[in-house]
Amino acid sequence: MKTGIWGAGNIAHTHAEALKASGIKIGAIVDVSEEKAKAFAEEFKPFRFQ
C-alpha cells in the first residue's frame, strides 16, 4: 500500500515513521516549502517527488 503526505513538518515525520513501521510506503510528499519537502524526500524516499 502507498500513501501521500501533505506537509513536511514535525508531525509528518512522526506519521511517516508510523506508516513505515506498518509496511506502508510513502508515495508522494507535498509541502509549500521546497526545502522541507526535499529534506523529507531524502529521508523517506517517496515514490514521487517533484
Protein backbone atom coordinates (compact mmCIF):
# COMPACT_ATOMS: atom_id res chain seq x y z
CA MET A 1 0.00 0.00 0.00
CA LYS A 2 1.14 3.56 -0.69
CA THR A 3 0.00 6.87 0.74
CA GLY A 4 0.85 10.53 0.34
CA ILE A 5 1.90 13.03 2.98
CA TRP A 6 0.78 16.65 2.84
CA GLY A 7 3.16 18.82 4.80
CA ALA A 8 6.73 18.00 5.75
CA GLY A 9 6.82 19.33 9.29
CA ASN A 10 7.42 17.53 12.57
CA ILE A 11 4.12 15.66 12.68
CA ALA A 12 4.66 14.42 9.11
CA HIS A 13 7.87 12.74 10.24
CA THR A 14 6.00 11.06 13.10
CA HIS A 15 3.30 9.86 10.72
CA ALA A 16 5.86 8.69 8.15
CA GLU A 17 7.72 6.65 10.76
CA ALA A 18 4.46 5.01 11.88
CA LEU A 19 3.46 4.27 8.29
CA LYS A 20 6.90 2.85 7.52
CA ALA A 21 6.72 0.60 10.61
CA SER A 22 3.36 -0.69 9.34
CA GLY A 23 4.82 -1.54 5.94
CA ILE A 24 3.11 1.33 4.12
CA LYS A 25 5.21 3.16 1.54
CA ILE A 26 5.21 6.92 1.09
CA GLY A 27 4.01 7.55 -2.45
CA ALA A 28 4.30 11.34 -2.50
CA ILE A 29 5.21 14.34 -0.39
CA VAL A 30 3.72 17.81 -0.80
CA ASP A 31 4.73 20.96 1.08
CA VAL A 32 4.72 24.69 0.37
CA SER A 33 8.37 24.77 1.45
CA GLU A 34 10.55 23.19 -1.22
CA GLU A 35 13.41 22.89 1.29
CA LYS A 36 11.30 20.91 3.76
CA ALA A 37 9.87 18.71 1.03
CA LYS A 38 13.35 17.91 -0.33
CA ALA A 39 14.68 17.08 3.14
CA PHE A 40 11.68 14.84 3.80
CA ALA A 41 12.13 13.13 0.42
CA GLU A 42 15.80 12.45 1.13
CA GLU A 43 14.88 10.77 4.41
CA PHE A 44 11.79 8.79 3.39
CA LYS A 45 12.36 8.21 -0.36
CA PRO A 46 8.81 8.71 -1.65
CA PHE A 47 7.81 7.07 -4.92
CA ARG A 48 7.26 10.51 -6.46
CA PHE A 49 8.76 13.84 -5.53
CA GLN A 50 8.51 16.93 -7.67
